């Protein structure tokens, strides 16, 4: 169905009669739907097809699904759907993605996190990172530094968490980041941070005191 045809359909369905004096658009002269298009424009159901000028209606174009939705929303005077506000700081006050919830609190052994570290970190860094997790959090996914507020296994800063989680692939379709106390997300975000830092160990000062990290130059 073309945009001209949908103009005729809507004008009849909603009984629009005012054409605003006619000639609202410059590209419908001679169209059999010109009068309907002018009535649709006068009713505020269409605003044109070429923003920001919007002096054309594009009567011969096929009407798209999103355009049809806009036509009907205006014709029915529907209130716009506004997503509920969400906090952007998931670790402190906002909503985190239910796809990656917080892991249970409590320390884990060095080896408990090996498979996850192997999955996300470069191979030569694995032993260093496993030792680093023990130093930073004792393997507790819910570890929180009371002085700086740093969070989780690798002690991410609250202000940087959402960016790191999203970059590591831990953001859902609603734009919500994984919980920083989710072990896999915390480790993956750390790998992304390391790959984007120079040197890679810079975000974690304790690496300079860990033998397995010193072996890599830390």
N, C-alpha and C. Protein backbone atom coordinates (compact mmCIF):
# COMPACT_ATOMS: atom_id res chain seq x y z
N UNK A 1 0.85 -1.19 0.00
CA UNK A 1 0.00 0.00 0.00
C UNK A 1 0.89 1.25 0.00
N UNK A 2 0.55 2.21 -0.84
CA UNK A 2 1.35 3.43 -0.91
C UNK A 2 0.92 4.43 0.16
N UNK A 3 1.75 5.44 0.33
CA UNK A 3 1.43 6.49 1.29
C UNK A 3 0.20 7.28 0.83
N UNK A 4 0.03 7.41 -0.48
CA UNK A 4 -1.17 8.07 -0.99
C UNK A 4 -2.41 7.28 -0.66
N UNK A 5 -2.35 5.98 -0.85
CA UNK A 5 -3.50 5.12 -0.56
C UNK A 5 -3.83 5.12 0.93
N UNK A 6 -2.80 5.11 1.76
CA UNK A 6 -3.08 5.11 3.20
C UNK A 6 -3.69 6.43 3.63
N UNK A 7 -3.35 7.52 2.93
CA UNK A 7 -3.97 8.81 3.24
C UNK A 7 -5.47 8.74 2.99
N UNK A 8 -5.85 8.16 1.86
CA UNK A 8 -7.28 8.02 1.55
C UNK A 8 -7.97 7.13 2.57
N UNK A 9 -7.33 6.06 2.96
CA UNK A 9 -7.90 5.13 3.93
C UNK A 9 -8.14 5.82 5.28
N UNK A 10 -7.15 6.55 5.75
CA UNK A 10 -7.27 7.18 7.07
C UNK A 10 -8.26 8.34 7.05
N UNK A 11 -8.29 9.10 5.97
CA UNK A 11 -9.24 10.21 5.87
C UNK A 11 -10.67 9.69 5.95
N UNK A 12 -10.95 8.59 5.31
CA UNK A 12 -12.30 8.01 5.37
C UNK A 12 -12.57 7.38 6.73
N UNK A 13 -11.57 6.69 7.28
CA UNK A 13 -11.76 6.00 8.57
C UNK A 13 -12.02 6.99 9.70
N UNK A 14 -11.37 8.16 9.66
CA UNK A 14 -11.49 9.12 10.76
C UNK A 14 -12.29 10.36 10.37
N UNK A 15 -12.86 10.32 9.18
CA UNK A 15 -13.77 11.39 8.72
C UNK A 15 -13.14 12.77 8.78
N UNK A 16 -11.89 12.89 8.31
CA UNK A 16 -11.26 14.20 8.24
C UNK A 16 -11.84 14.98 7.05
N UNK A 17 -12.17 16.26 7.28
CA UNK A 17 -12.77 17.05 6.20
C UNK A 17 -12.01 18.34 5.91
N UNK A 18 -11.21 18.80 6.85
CA UNK A 18 -10.51 20.07 6.68
C UNK A 18 -9.20 19.84 5.93
N UNK A 19 -9.01 20.52 4.81
CA UNK A 19 -7.77 20.34 4.04
C UNK A 19 -6.79 21.48 4.25
N UNK A 20 -7.09 22.40 5.17
CA UNK A 20 -6.18 23.48 5.49
C UNK A 20 -5.92 24.45 4.36
N UNK A 21 -6.78 24.48 3.40
CA UNK A 21 -6.58 25.35 2.24
C UNK A 21 -5.89 24.66 1.09
N UNK A 22 -5.42 23.42 1.31
CA UNK A 22 -4.82 22.63 0.25
C UNK A 22 -3.36 22.96 -0.01
N UNK A 23 -2.76 22.13 -0.84
CA UNK A 23 -1.38 22.31 -1.32
C UNK A 23 -0.37 22.39 -0.17
N UNK A 24 -0.49 21.44 0.79
CA UNK A 24 0.44 21.42 1.92
C UNK A 24 1.81 20.87 1.54
N UNK A 25 1.84 20.05 0.50
CA UNK A 25 3.09 19.41 0.09
C UNK A 25 3.34 19.68 -1.39
N UNK A 26 4.62 19.70 -1.76
CA UNK A 26 4.97 20.11 -3.12
C UNK A 26 5.04 18.94 -4.10
N UNK A 27 4.91 17.71 -3.63
CA UNK A 27 5.14 16.58 -4.52
C UNK A 27 3.89 15.76 -4.81
N UNK A 28 2.70 16.32 -4.44
CA UNK A 28 1.48 15.53 -4.69
C UNK A 28 0.55 16.19 -5.70
N UNK A 29 1.04 17.23 -6.40
CA UNK A 29 0.21 17.87 -7.40
C UNK A 29 -0.14 16.88 -8.50
N UNK A 30 -1.41 16.78 -8.81
CA UNK A 30 -1.87 15.85 -9.83
C UNK A 30 -2.18 14.47 -9.31
N UNK A 31 -1.83 14.19 -8.04
CA UNK A 31 -2.14 12.89 -7.46
C UNK A 31 -3.64 12.81 -7.14
N UNK A 32 -4.22 11.67 -7.38
CA UNK A 32 -5.65 11.50 -7.05
C UNK A 32 -5.86 11.53 -5.54
N UNK A 33 -4.77 11.44 -4.80
CA UNK A 33 -4.88 11.44 -3.34
C UNK A 33 -4.53 12.80 -2.74
N UNK A 34 -4.34 13.84 -3.57
CA UNK A 34 -3.87 15.12 -3.06
C UNK A 34 -4.79 15.69 -1.99
N UNK A 35 -6.07 15.64 -2.23
CA UNK A 35 -7.01 16.18 -1.25
C UNK A 35 -6.93 15.41 0.07
N UNK A 36 -6.83 14.08 -0.03
CA UNK A 36 -6.73 13.26 1.18
C UNK A 36 -5.42 13.55 1.93
N UNK A 37 -4.36 13.74 1.18
CA UNK A 37 -3.06 14.03 1.79
C UNK A 37 -3.12 15.35 2.55
N UNK A 38 -3.75 16.37 1.94
CA UNK A 38 -3.87 17.66 2.61
C UNK A 38 -4.71 17.56 3.88
N UNK A 39 -5.77 16.75 3.82
CA UNK A 39 -6.61 16.57 5.01
C UNK A 39 -5.83 15.83 6.11
N UNK A 40 -5.03 14.86 5.70
CA UNK A 40 -4.23 14.11 6.68
C UNK A 40 -3.20 15.02 7.34
N UNK A 41 -2.59 15.89 6.53
CA UNK A 41 -1.62 16.82 7.07
C UNK A 41 -2.25 17.84 7.99
N UNK A 42 -3.42 18.36 7.61
CA UNK A 42 -4.12 19.34 8.44
C UNK A 42 -4.52 18.74 9.78
N UNK A 43 -4.86 17.45 9.77
CA UNK A 43 -5.24 16.76 11.01
C UNK A 43 -4.03 16.44 11.89
N UNK A 44 -2.81 16.65 11.35
CA UNK A 44 -1.61 16.38 12.13
C UNK A 44 -1.21 14.92 12.14
N UNK A 45 -1.80 14.13 11.26
CA UNK A 45 -1.49 12.70 11.22
C UNK A 45 -0.20 12.45 10.44
N UNK A 46 0.10 13.31 9.49
CA UNK A 46 1.38 13.24 8.81
C UNK A 46 2.09 14.57 8.92
N UNK A 47 3.40 14.51 8.96
CA UNK A 47 4.19 15.74 9.00
C UNK A 47 5.14 15.81 7.81
N UNK A 48 4.96 14.90 6.85
CA UNK A 48 5.82 14.88 5.69
C UNK A 48 6.78 13.71 5.73
N UNK A 49 7.62 13.63 4.68
CA UNK A 49 8.51 12.48 4.56
C UNK A 49 9.98 12.87 4.40
N UNK A 50 10.29 14.16 4.45
CA UNK A 50 11.68 14.58 4.22
C UNK A 50 12.13 15.59 5.27
N UNK A 51 12.25 15.13 6.53
CA UNK A 51 12.71 16.05 7.57
C UNK A 51 14.13 16.54 7.25
N UNK A 52 14.47 17.77 7.66
CA UNK A 52 13.64 18.66 8.50
C UNK A 52 12.68 19.54 7.70
N UNK A 53 12.84 19.60 6.37
CA UNK A 53 11.96 20.48 5.59
C UNK A 53 10.51 20.02 5.65
N UNK A 54 10.30 18.71 5.47
CA UNK A 54 8.96 18.12 5.50
C UNK A 54 7.98 18.87 4.60
N UNK A 55 8.45 19.17 3.37
CA UNK A 55 7.56 19.79 2.39
C UNK A 55 7.11 18.79 1.33
N UNK A 56 7.45 17.53 1.56
CA UNK A 56 7.04 16.46 0.66
C UNK A 56 6.29 15.38 1.44
N UNK A 57 5.40 14.67 0.71
CA UNK A 57 4.66 13.59 1.34
C UNK A 57 5.10 12.22 0.81
N UNK A 58 5.70 12.18 -0.38
CA UNK A 58 6.13 10.92 -1.00
C UNK A 58 4.94 9.99 -1.23
N UNK A 59 3.93 10.44 -1.97
CA UNK A 59 2.68 9.68 -2.09
C UNK A 59 2.82 8.33 -2.78
N UNK A 60 3.82 8.16 -3.62
CA UNK A 60 3.94 6.89 -4.35
C UNK A 60 4.83 5.87 -3.63
N UNK A 61 5.47 6.29 -2.54
CA UNK A 61 6.28 5.34 -1.78
C UNK A 61 5.39 4.37 -1.02
N UNK A 62 5.85 3.14 -0.88
CA UNK A 62 5.12 2.20 -0.03
C UNK A 62 5.23 2.64 1.42
N UNK A 63 4.13 2.52 2.15
CA UNK A 63 4.15 2.93 3.55
C UNK A 63 4.86 1.85 4.36
N UNK A 64 5.81 2.27 5.18
CA UNK A 64 6.56 1.32 6.01
C UNK A 64 5.81 1.04 7.31
N UNK A 65 6.22 0.00 7.98
CA UNK A 65 5.56 -0.38 9.24
C UNK A 65 5.70 0.71 10.29
N UNK A 66 6.89 1.31 10.37
CA UNK A 66 7.07 2.35 11.38
C UNK A 66 6.26 3.60 11.05
N UNK A 67 6.11 3.89 9.74
CA UNK A 67 5.30 5.04 9.33
C UNK A 67 3.83 4.79 9.65
N UNK A 68 3.38 3.57 9.40
CA UNK A 68 1.99 3.23 9.70
C UNK A 68 1.73 3.35 11.20
N UNK A 69 2.70 2.92 11.99
CA UNK A 69 2.53 3.03 13.44
C UNK A 69 2.42 4.50 13.85
N UNK A 70 3.22 5.37 13.23
CA UNK A 70 3.15 6.79 13.56
C UNK A 70 1.81 7.39 13.14
N UNK A 71 1.34 7.02 11.94
CA UNK A 71 0.04 7.51 11.48
C UNK A 71 -1.06 7.15 12.47
N UNK A 72 -1.10 5.88 12.88
CA UNK A 72 -2.17 5.43 13.77
C UNK A 72 -2.04 6.05 15.16
N UNK A 73 -0.82 6.20 15.64
CA UNK A 73 -0.63 6.80 16.96
C UNK A 73 -1.14 8.24 16.97
N UNK A 74 -0.88 8.98 15.90
CA UNK A 74 -1.36 10.36 15.83
C UNK A 74 -2.87 10.40 15.62
N UNK A 75 -3.38 9.54 14.76
CA UNK A 75 -4.81 9.54 14.47
C UNK A 75 -5.63 9.18 15.71
N UNK A 76 -5.11 8.25 16.50
CA UNK A 76 -5.81 7.80 17.70
C UNK A 76 -5.43 8.63 18.93
N UNK A 77 -4.53 9.61 18.74
CA UNK A 77 -4.09 10.49 19.82
C UNK A 77 -3.56 9.69 21.00
N UNK A 78 -2.69 8.73 20.67
CA UNK A 78 -2.13 7.87 21.71
C UNK A 78 -0.99 8.58 22.42
N UNK A 79 -0.86 8.35 23.70
CA UNK A 79 0.27 8.89 24.44
C UNK A 79 1.53 8.15 24.03
N UNK A 80 2.64 8.85 23.91
CA UNK A 80 3.89 8.17 23.57
C UNK A 80 4.30 7.20 24.66
N UNK A 81 4.90 6.11 24.25
CA UNK A 81 5.40 5.13 25.21
C UNK A 81 6.79 5.55 25.62
N UNK A 82 6.95 5.88 26.88
CA UNK A 82 8.23 6.34 27.39
C UNK A 82 8.79 5.26 28.30
N UNK A 83 9.99 4.74 28.00
CA UNK A 83 10.56 3.72 28.89
C UNK A 83 10.75 4.28 30.29
N UNK A 84 10.58 3.44 31.29
CA UNK A 84 10.80 3.92 32.66
C UNK A 84 12.23 4.34 32.84
N UNK A 85 12.47 5.37 33.63
CA UNK A 85 13.85 5.78 33.85
C UNK A 85 14.63 4.69 34.56
N UNK A 86 15.89 4.55 34.20
CA UNK A 86 16.71 3.57 34.88
C UNK A 86 18.01 4.23 35.32
N UNK A 87 18.50 3.78 36.43
CA UNK A 87 19.76 4.30 36.90
C UNK A 87 20.88 3.75 36.02
N UNK A 88 21.89 4.55 35.79
CA UNK A 88 23.00 4.09 34.98
C UNK A 88 24.10 3.47 35.82
N UNK A 89 24.00 3.62 37.12
CA UNK A 89 25.06 3.09 37.97
C UNK A 89 24.58 1.82 38.65
N UNK A 90 24.59 0.75 37.90
CA UNK A 90 24.09 -0.53 38.39
C UNK A 90 24.68 -0.94 39.74
N UNK A 91 25.97 -0.80 39.97
CA UNK A 91 26.52 -1.32 41.23
C UNK A 91 25.99 -0.66 42.49
N UNK A 92 25.55 0.58 42.39
CA UNK A 92 25.21 1.31 43.61
C UNK A 92 23.71 1.40 43.83
N UNK A 93 22.99 2.00 42.87
CA UNK A 93 21.57 2.24 43.09
C UNK A 93 20.66 1.72 41.99
N UNK A 94 21.21 1.38 40.86
CA UNK A 94 20.36 1.07 39.70
C UNK A 94 20.09 -0.41 39.54
N UNK A 95 19.26 -0.68 38.54
CA UNK A 95 18.92 -2.05 38.21
C UNK A 95 20.03 -2.68 37.38
N UNK A 96 20.37 -3.91 37.70
CA UNK A 96 21.33 -4.67 36.92
C UNK A 96 20.57 -5.70 36.09
N UNK A 97 21.21 -6.20 35.06
CA UNK A 97 20.56 -7.17 34.20
C UNK A 97 20.27 -8.47 34.94
N UNK A 98 19.04 -8.99 34.82
CA UNK A 98 18.74 -10.28 35.45
C UNK A 98 19.43 -11.45 34.76
N UNK A 99 20.02 -11.20 33.59
CA UNK A 99 20.70 -12.28 32.87
C UNK A 99 21.97 -12.72 33.59
N UNK A 100 22.60 -11.78 34.31
CA UNK A 100 23.86 -12.09 35.01
C UNK A 100 23.78 -11.57 36.44
N UNK A 101 23.06 -12.27 37.30
CA UNK A 101 22.90 -11.79 38.68
C UNK A 101 24.16 -11.99 39.51
N UNK A 102 24.13 -11.45 40.71
CA UNK A 102 25.26 -11.59 41.63
C UNK A 102 25.44 -13.06 42.01
N UNK A 103 26.68 -13.50 42.06
CA UNK A 103 26.98 -14.83 42.58
C UNK A 103 26.94 -14.78 44.10
N UNK A 104 26.79 -15.93 44.69
CA UNK A 104 26.72 -16.02 46.15
C UNK A 104 28.01 -15.52 46.78
N UNK A 105 27.88 -14.87 47.92
CA UNK A 105 29.04 -14.36 48.63
C UNK A 105 29.87 -15.51 49.19
N UNK A 106 31.12 -15.21 49.45
CA UNK A 106 32.01 -16.20 50.07
C UNK A 106 33.26 -16.41 49.25
N UNK A 107 34.38 -16.60 49.94
CA UNK A 107 35.64 -16.80 49.25
C UNK A 107 35.68 -18.13 48.51
N UNK A 108 36.41 -18.13 47.40
CA UNK A 108 36.64 -19.35 46.62
C UNK A 108 38.14 -19.54 46.48
N UNK A 109 38.52 -20.78 46.22
CA UNK A 109 39.93 -21.07 46.01
C UNK A 109 40.41 -20.47 44.69
N UNK A 110 41.69 -20.40 44.56
CA UNK A 110 42.31 -19.91 43.33
C UNK A 110 41.80 -20.68 42.11
N UNK A 111 41.69 -21.99 42.26
CA UNK A 111 41.31 -22.84 41.12
C UNK A 111 39.83 -22.73 40.77
N UNK A 112 39.03 -22.25 41.69
CA UNK A 112 37.58 -22.17 41.43
C UNK A 112 37.27 -21.28 40.23
N UNK A 113 38.14 -20.31 39.96
CA UNK A 113 37.88 -19.36 38.88
C UNK A 113 38.71 -19.62 37.63
N UNK A 114 39.48 -20.70 37.63
CA UNK A 114 40.40 -20.94 36.51
C UNK A 114 39.68 -21.01 35.17
N UNK A 115 38.62 -21.80 35.07
CA UNK A 115 37.97 -21.99 33.77
C UNK A 115 37.43 -20.67 33.21
N UNK A 116 36.97 -19.80 34.10
CA UNK A 116 36.44 -18.51 33.64
C UNK A 116 37.58 -17.61 33.18
N UNK A 117 38.66 -17.59 33.94
CA UNK A 117 39.81 -16.77 33.55
C UNK A 117 40.38 -17.26 32.22
N UNK A 118 40.50 -18.56 32.06
CA UNK A 118 41.00 -19.13 30.80
C UNK A 118 40.12 -18.72 29.63
N UNK A 119 38.82 -18.64 29.86
CA UNK A 119 37.88 -18.30 28.79
C UNK A 119 38.07 -16.87 28.29
N UNK A 120 38.36 -15.94 29.19
CA UNK A 120 38.34 -14.52 28.81
C UNK A 120 39.72 -13.86 28.71
N UNK A 121 40.72 -14.42 29.37
CA UNK A 121 42.02 -13.75 29.43
C UNK A 121 43.02 -14.40 28.49
N UNK A 122 43.99 -13.63 28.06
CA UNK A 122 45.08 -14.17 27.26
C UNK A 122 45.82 -15.23 28.07
N UNK A 123 46.25 -16.29 27.39
CA UNK A 123 46.77 -17.47 28.08
C UNK A 123 47.95 -17.15 28.99
N UNK A 124 48.84 -16.27 28.53
CA UNK A 124 50.03 -16.01 29.33
C UNK A 124 49.72 -15.22 30.61
N UNK A 125 48.52 -14.67 30.72
CA UNK A 125 48.16 -13.88 31.88
C UNK A 125 47.36 -14.66 32.93
N UNK A 126 46.98 -15.88 32.61
CA UNK A 126 46.04 -16.63 33.45
C UNK A 126 46.55 -16.80 34.88
N UNK A 127 47.78 -17.28 35.05
CA UNK A 127 48.28 -17.55 36.41
C UNK A 127 48.36 -16.26 37.22
N UNK A 128 48.81 -15.20 36.58
CA UNK A 128 48.87 -13.90 37.26
C UNK A 128 47.48 -13.46 37.70
N UNK A 129 46.48 -13.60 36.83
CA UNK A 129 45.13 -13.14 37.15
C UNK A 129 44.52 -13.98 38.27
N UNK A 130 44.77 -15.27 38.27
CA UNK A 130 44.26 -16.12 39.35
C UNK A 130 44.86 -15.69 40.69
N UNK A 131 46.14 -15.39 40.69
CA UNK A 131 46.76 -14.91 41.93
C UNK A 131 46.22 -13.53 42.30
N UNK A 132 46.01 -12.69 41.29
CA UNK A 132 45.49 -11.34 41.54
C UNK A 132 44.11 -11.39 42.17
N UNK A 133 43.26 -12.30 41.71
CA UNK A 133 41.92 -12.44 42.28
C UNK A 133 42.00 -12.76 43.78
N UNK A 134 42.94 -13.62 44.13
CA UNK A 134 43.09 -13.97 45.54
C UNK A 134 43.54 -12.77 46.36
N UNK A 135 44.44 -11.97 45.81
CA UNK A 135 44.92 -10.79 46.53
C UNK A 135 43.83 -9.73 46.64
N UNK A 136 43.11 -9.51 45.56
CA UNK A 136 42.12 -8.43 45.52
C UNK A 136 40.85 -8.76 46.29
N UNK A 137 40.41 -10.02 46.23
CA UNK A 137 39.07 -10.33 46.76
C UNK A 137 38.98 -11.65 47.51
N UNK A 138 40.08 -12.38 47.64
CA UNK A 138 40.06 -13.72 48.24
C UNK A 138 39.09 -14.64 47.50
N UNK A 139 38.88 -14.35 46.22
CA UNK A 139 37.98 -15.19 45.42
C UNK A 139 36.52 -15.00 45.75
N UNK A 140 36.18 -13.95 46.48
CA UNK A 140 34.79 -13.67 46.87
C UNK A 140 34.15 -12.75 45.83
N UNK A 141 33.16 -13.22 45.07
CA UNK A 141 32.56 -12.38 44.02
C UNK A 141 31.85 -11.14 44.58
N UNK A 142 31.51 -11.16 45.87
CA UNK A 142 30.84 -10.00 46.46
C UNK A 142 31.78 -9.14 47.32
N UNK A 143 33.06 -9.28 47.08
CA UNK A 143 34.02 -8.45 47.82
C UNK A 143 33.82 -6.98 47.45
N UNK A 144 33.88 -6.13 48.47
CA UNK A 144 33.75 -4.68 48.25
C UNK A 144 34.74 -3.95 49.13
N UNK A 145 35.53 -3.10 48.52
CA UNK A 145 36.49 -2.31 49.27
C UNK A 145 35.75 -1.16 49.96
N UNK A 146 35.73 -1.11 51.28
CA UNK A 146 34.95 -0.09 51.97
C UNK A 146 35.47 1.33 51.78
N UNK A 147 36.74 1.46 51.45
CA UNK A 147 37.29 2.82 51.31
C UNK A 147 37.04 3.39 49.91
N UNK A 148 37.28 2.59 48.88
CA UNK A 148 37.09 3.09 47.52
C UNK A 148 35.84 2.61 46.84
N UNK A 149 35.15 1.65 47.47
CA UNK A 149 33.94 1.12 46.87
C UNK A 149 34.18 0.17 45.72
N UNK A 150 35.41 -0.28 45.53
CA UNK A 150 35.73 -1.17 44.42
C UNK A 150 35.03 -2.52 44.62
N UNK A 151 34.65 -3.14 43.49
CA UNK A 151 33.67 -4.23 43.54
C UNK A 151 34.13 -5.52 42.88
N UNK A 152 33.82 -6.62 43.54
CA UNK A 152 33.93 -7.93 42.92
C UNK A 152 35.32 -8.51 42.88
N UNK A 153 35.47 -9.56 42.13
CA UNK A 153 36.70 -10.35 42.10
C UNK A 153 37.93 -9.53 41.76
N UNK A 154 37.78 -8.65 40.75
CA UNK A 154 38.91 -7.85 40.30
C UNK A 154 38.78 -6.39 40.70
N UNK A 155 37.85 -6.11 41.62
CA UNK A 155 37.74 -4.78 42.24
C UNK A 155 37.61 -3.65 41.22
N UNK A 156 36.51 -3.71 40.46
CA UNK A 156 36.22 -2.67 39.50
C UNK A 156 35.65 -1.44 40.20
N UNK A 157 35.93 -0.28 39.64
CA UNK A 157 35.36 0.95 40.18
C UNK A 157 33.89 1.03 39.78
N UNK A 158 33.02 1.48 40.68
CA UNK A 158 31.59 1.59 40.34
C UNK A 158 31.35 2.48 39.12
N UNK A 159 32.08 3.57 39.03
CA UNK A 159 31.83 4.51 37.93
C UNK A 159 32.21 3.94 36.58
N UNK A 160 33.13 2.99 36.54
CA UNK A 160 33.55 2.43 35.26
C UNK A 160 32.88 1.12 34.90
N UNK A 161 32.08 0.59 35.83
CA UNK A 161 31.57 -0.77 35.63
C UNK A 161 30.71 -0.91 34.38
N UNK A 162 29.72 -0.05 34.19
CA UNK A 162 28.80 -0.26 33.07
C UNK A 162 29.52 -0.26 31.73
N UNK A 163 30.46 0.65 31.55
CA UNK A 163 31.21 0.71 30.30
C UNK A 163 32.01 -0.57 30.09
N UNK A 164 32.67 -1.02 31.12
CA UNK A 164 33.50 -2.23 31.01
C UNK A 164 32.64 -3.46 30.75
N UNK A 165 31.54 -3.58 31.48
CA UNK A 165 30.67 -4.75 31.30
C UNK A 165 30.11 -4.79 29.89
N UNK A 166 29.65 -3.65 29.40
CA UNK A 166 29.08 -3.60 28.05
C UNK A 166 30.14 -3.95 27.02
N UNK A 167 31.34 -3.41 27.17
CA UNK A 167 32.40 -3.68 26.21
C UNK A 167 32.79 -5.16 26.20
N UNK A 168 32.63 -5.81 27.34
CA UNK A 168 32.98 -7.22 27.45
C UNK A 168 31.83 -8.13 27.02
N UNK A 169 30.70 -7.54 26.62
CA UNK A 169 29.57 -8.34 26.15
C UNK A 169 28.55 -8.68 27.21
N UNK A 170 28.63 -8.00 28.36
CA UNK A 170 27.71 -8.29 29.46
C UNK A 170 26.73 -7.14 29.65
N UNK A 171 26.01 -6.82 28.61
CA UNK A 171 24.92 -5.85 28.63
C UNK A 171 23.76 -6.44 27.86
N UNK A 172 22.55 -6.39 28.44
CA UNK A 172 21.42 -7.04 27.77
C UNK A 172 20.75 -6.10 26.78
N UNK A 173 19.69 -6.58 26.14
CA UNK A 173 19.01 -5.81 25.11
C UNK A 173 18.33 -4.56 25.63
N UNK A 174 18.16 -4.45 26.94
CA UNK A 174 17.57 -3.26 27.54
C UNK A 174 18.63 -2.27 28.01
N UNK A 175 19.88 -2.55 27.70
CA UNK A 175 20.95 -1.65 28.09
C UNK A 175 21.38 -1.78 29.54
N UNK A 176 21.01 -2.87 30.19
CA UNK A 176 21.38 -3.07 31.59
C UNK A 176 22.63 -3.93 31.68
N UNK A 177 23.56 -3.49 32.49
CA UNK A 177 24.81 -4.22 32.66
C UNK A 177 24.64 -5.37 33.65
N UNK A 178 25.49 -6.36 33.50
CA UNK A 178 25.54 -7.46 34.47
C UNK A 178 25.87 -6.91 35.86
N UNK A 179 25.47 -7.66 36.87
CA UNK A 179 25.83 -7.27 38.24
C UNK A 179 27.33 -7.41 38.40
N UNK A 180 27.99 -6.43 39.03
CA UNK A 180 29.45 -6.53 39.20
C UNK A 180 29.86 -7.68 40.10
N UNK A 181 28.91 -8.23 40.86
CA UNK A 181 29.22 -9.38 41.69
C UNK A 181 29.00 -10.70 40.95
N UNK A 182 28.72 -10.62 39.66
CA UNK A 182 28.69 -11.83 38.83
C UNK A 182 30.14 -12.13 38.44
N UNK A 183 30.63 -13.29 38.86
CA UNK A 183 32.04 -13.60 38.68
C UNK A 183 32.50 -13.57 37.24
N UNK A 184 31.74 -14.19 36.35
CA UNK A 184 32.13 -14.24 34.94
C UNK A 184 32.18 -12.85 34.34
N UNK A 185 31.19 -12.04 34.64
CA UNK A 185 31.16 -10.68 34.10
C UNK A 185 32.32 -9.86 34.63
N UNK A 186 32.62 -10.01 35.92
CA UNK A 186 33.70 -9.24 36.53
C UNK A 186 35.05 -9.62 35.91
N UNK A 187 35.24 -10.90 35.69
CA UNK A 187 36.49 -11.38 35.08
C UNK A 187 36.59 -10.93 33.63
N UNK A 188 35.49 -11.06 32.88
CA UNK A 188 35.50 -10.66 31.47
C UNK A 188 35.73 -9.16 31.32
N UNK A 189 35.11 -8.37 32.19
CA UNK A 189 35.32 -6.92 32.15
C UNK A 189 36.76 -6.58 32.48
N UNK A 190 37.37 -7.36 33.37
CA UNK A 190 38.78 -7.15 33.68
C UNK A 190 39.67 -7.44 32.48
N UNK A 191 39.33 -8.49 31.73
CA UNK A 191 40.11 -8.82 30.53
C UNK A 191 40.03 -7.70 29.51
N UNK A 192 38.82 -7.14 29.35
CA UNK A 192 38.68 -6.02 28.41
C UNK A 192 39.50 -4.83 28.88
N UNK A 193 39.44 -4.55 30.18
CA UNK A 193 40.19 -3.42 30.72
C UNK A 193 41.69 -3.61 30.51
N UNK A 194 42.17 -4.83 30.76
CA UNK A 194 43.59 -5.11 30.58
C UNK A 194 44.01 -4.92 29.12
N UNK A 195 43.19 -5.40 28.20
CA UNK A 195 43.51 -5.28 26.77
C UNK A 195 43.51 -3.84 26.30
N UNK A 196 42.88 -2.96 27.06
CA UNK A 196 42.80 -1.56 26.68
C UNK A 196 43.59 -0.65 27.62
N UNK A 197 44.54 -1.24 28.35
CA UNK A 197 45.41 -0.48 29.23
C UNK A 197 46.86 -0.71 28.82
N UNK A 198 47.70 0.25 29.10
CA UNK A 198 49.12 0.13 28.77
C UNK A 198 49.97 0.62 29.94
N UNK A 199 50.72 -0.31 30.54
CA UNK A 199 50.72 -1.75 30.31
C UNK A 199 49.43 -2.38 30.81
N UNK A 200 49.21 -3.61 30.44
CA UNK A 200 47.91 -4.22 30.72
C UNK A 200 47.60 -4.32 32.20
N UNK A 201 48.63 -4.44 33.03
CA UNK A 201 48.42 -4.61 34.49
C UNK A 201 48.23 -3.29 35.23
N UNK A 202 48.29 -2.18 34.55
CA UNK A 202 48.25 -0.87 35.19
C UNK A 202 47.05 -0.68 36.13
N UNK A 203 45.83 -1.16 35.79
CA UNK A 203 44.69 -0.93 36.69
C UNK A 203 44.80 -1.65 38.04
N UNK A 204 45.77 -2.59 38.17
CA UNK A 204 45.88 -3.37 39.41
C UNK A 204 47.30 -3.23 39.99
N UNK A 205 47.52 -2.23 40.83
CA UNK A 205 48.86 -2.04 41.42
C UNK A 205 49.42 -3.27 42.13
N UNK A 206 48.57 -4.11 42.77
CA UNK A 206 49.15 -5.27 43.47
C UNK A 206 49.93 -6.22 42.57
N UNK A 207 49.73 -6.14 41.24
CA UNK A 207 50.46 -7.06 40.36
C UNK A 207 51.97 -6.92 40.53
N UNK A 208 52.42 -5.73 40.94
CA UNK A 208 53.85 -5.51 41.13
C UNK A 208 54.45 -6.30 42.27
N UNK A 209 53.58 -6.89 43.11
CA UNK A 209 54.05 -7.66 44.28
C UNK A 209 53.69 -9.13 44.15
N UNK A 210 53.20 -9.56 43.00
CA UNK A 210 52.80 -10.95 42.79
C UNK A 210 53.81 -11.60 41.85
N UNK A 211 54.41 -12.67 42.29
CA UNK A 211 55.50 -13.30 41.53
C UNK A 211 55.07 -13.68 40.12
N UNK A 212 53.90 -14.28 39.99
CA UNK A 212 53.47 -14.72 38.66
C UNK A 212 53.21 -13.55 37.72
N UNK A 213 52.94 -12.38 38.28
CA UNK A 213 52.74 -11.17 37.47
C UNK A 213 54.09 -10.51 37.19
N UNK A 214 54.97 -10.56 38.17
CA UNK A 214 56.30 -10.00 37.96
C UNK A 214 57.03 -10.73 36.83
N UNK A 215 56.73 -12.01 36.69
CA UNK A 215 57.35 -12.79 35.61
C UNK A 215 56.93 -12.29 34.23
N UNK A 216 55.81 -11.55 34.19
CA UNK A 216 55.34 -10.99 32.92
C UNK A 216 55.78 -9.55 32.74
N UNK A 217 56.55 -9.04 33.69
CA UNK A 217 57.04 -7.68 33.59
C UNK A 217 56.37 -6.69 34.50
N UNK A 218 55.37 -7.14 35.27
CA UNK A 218 54.64 -6.21 36.15
C UNK A 218 55.55 -5.70 37.26
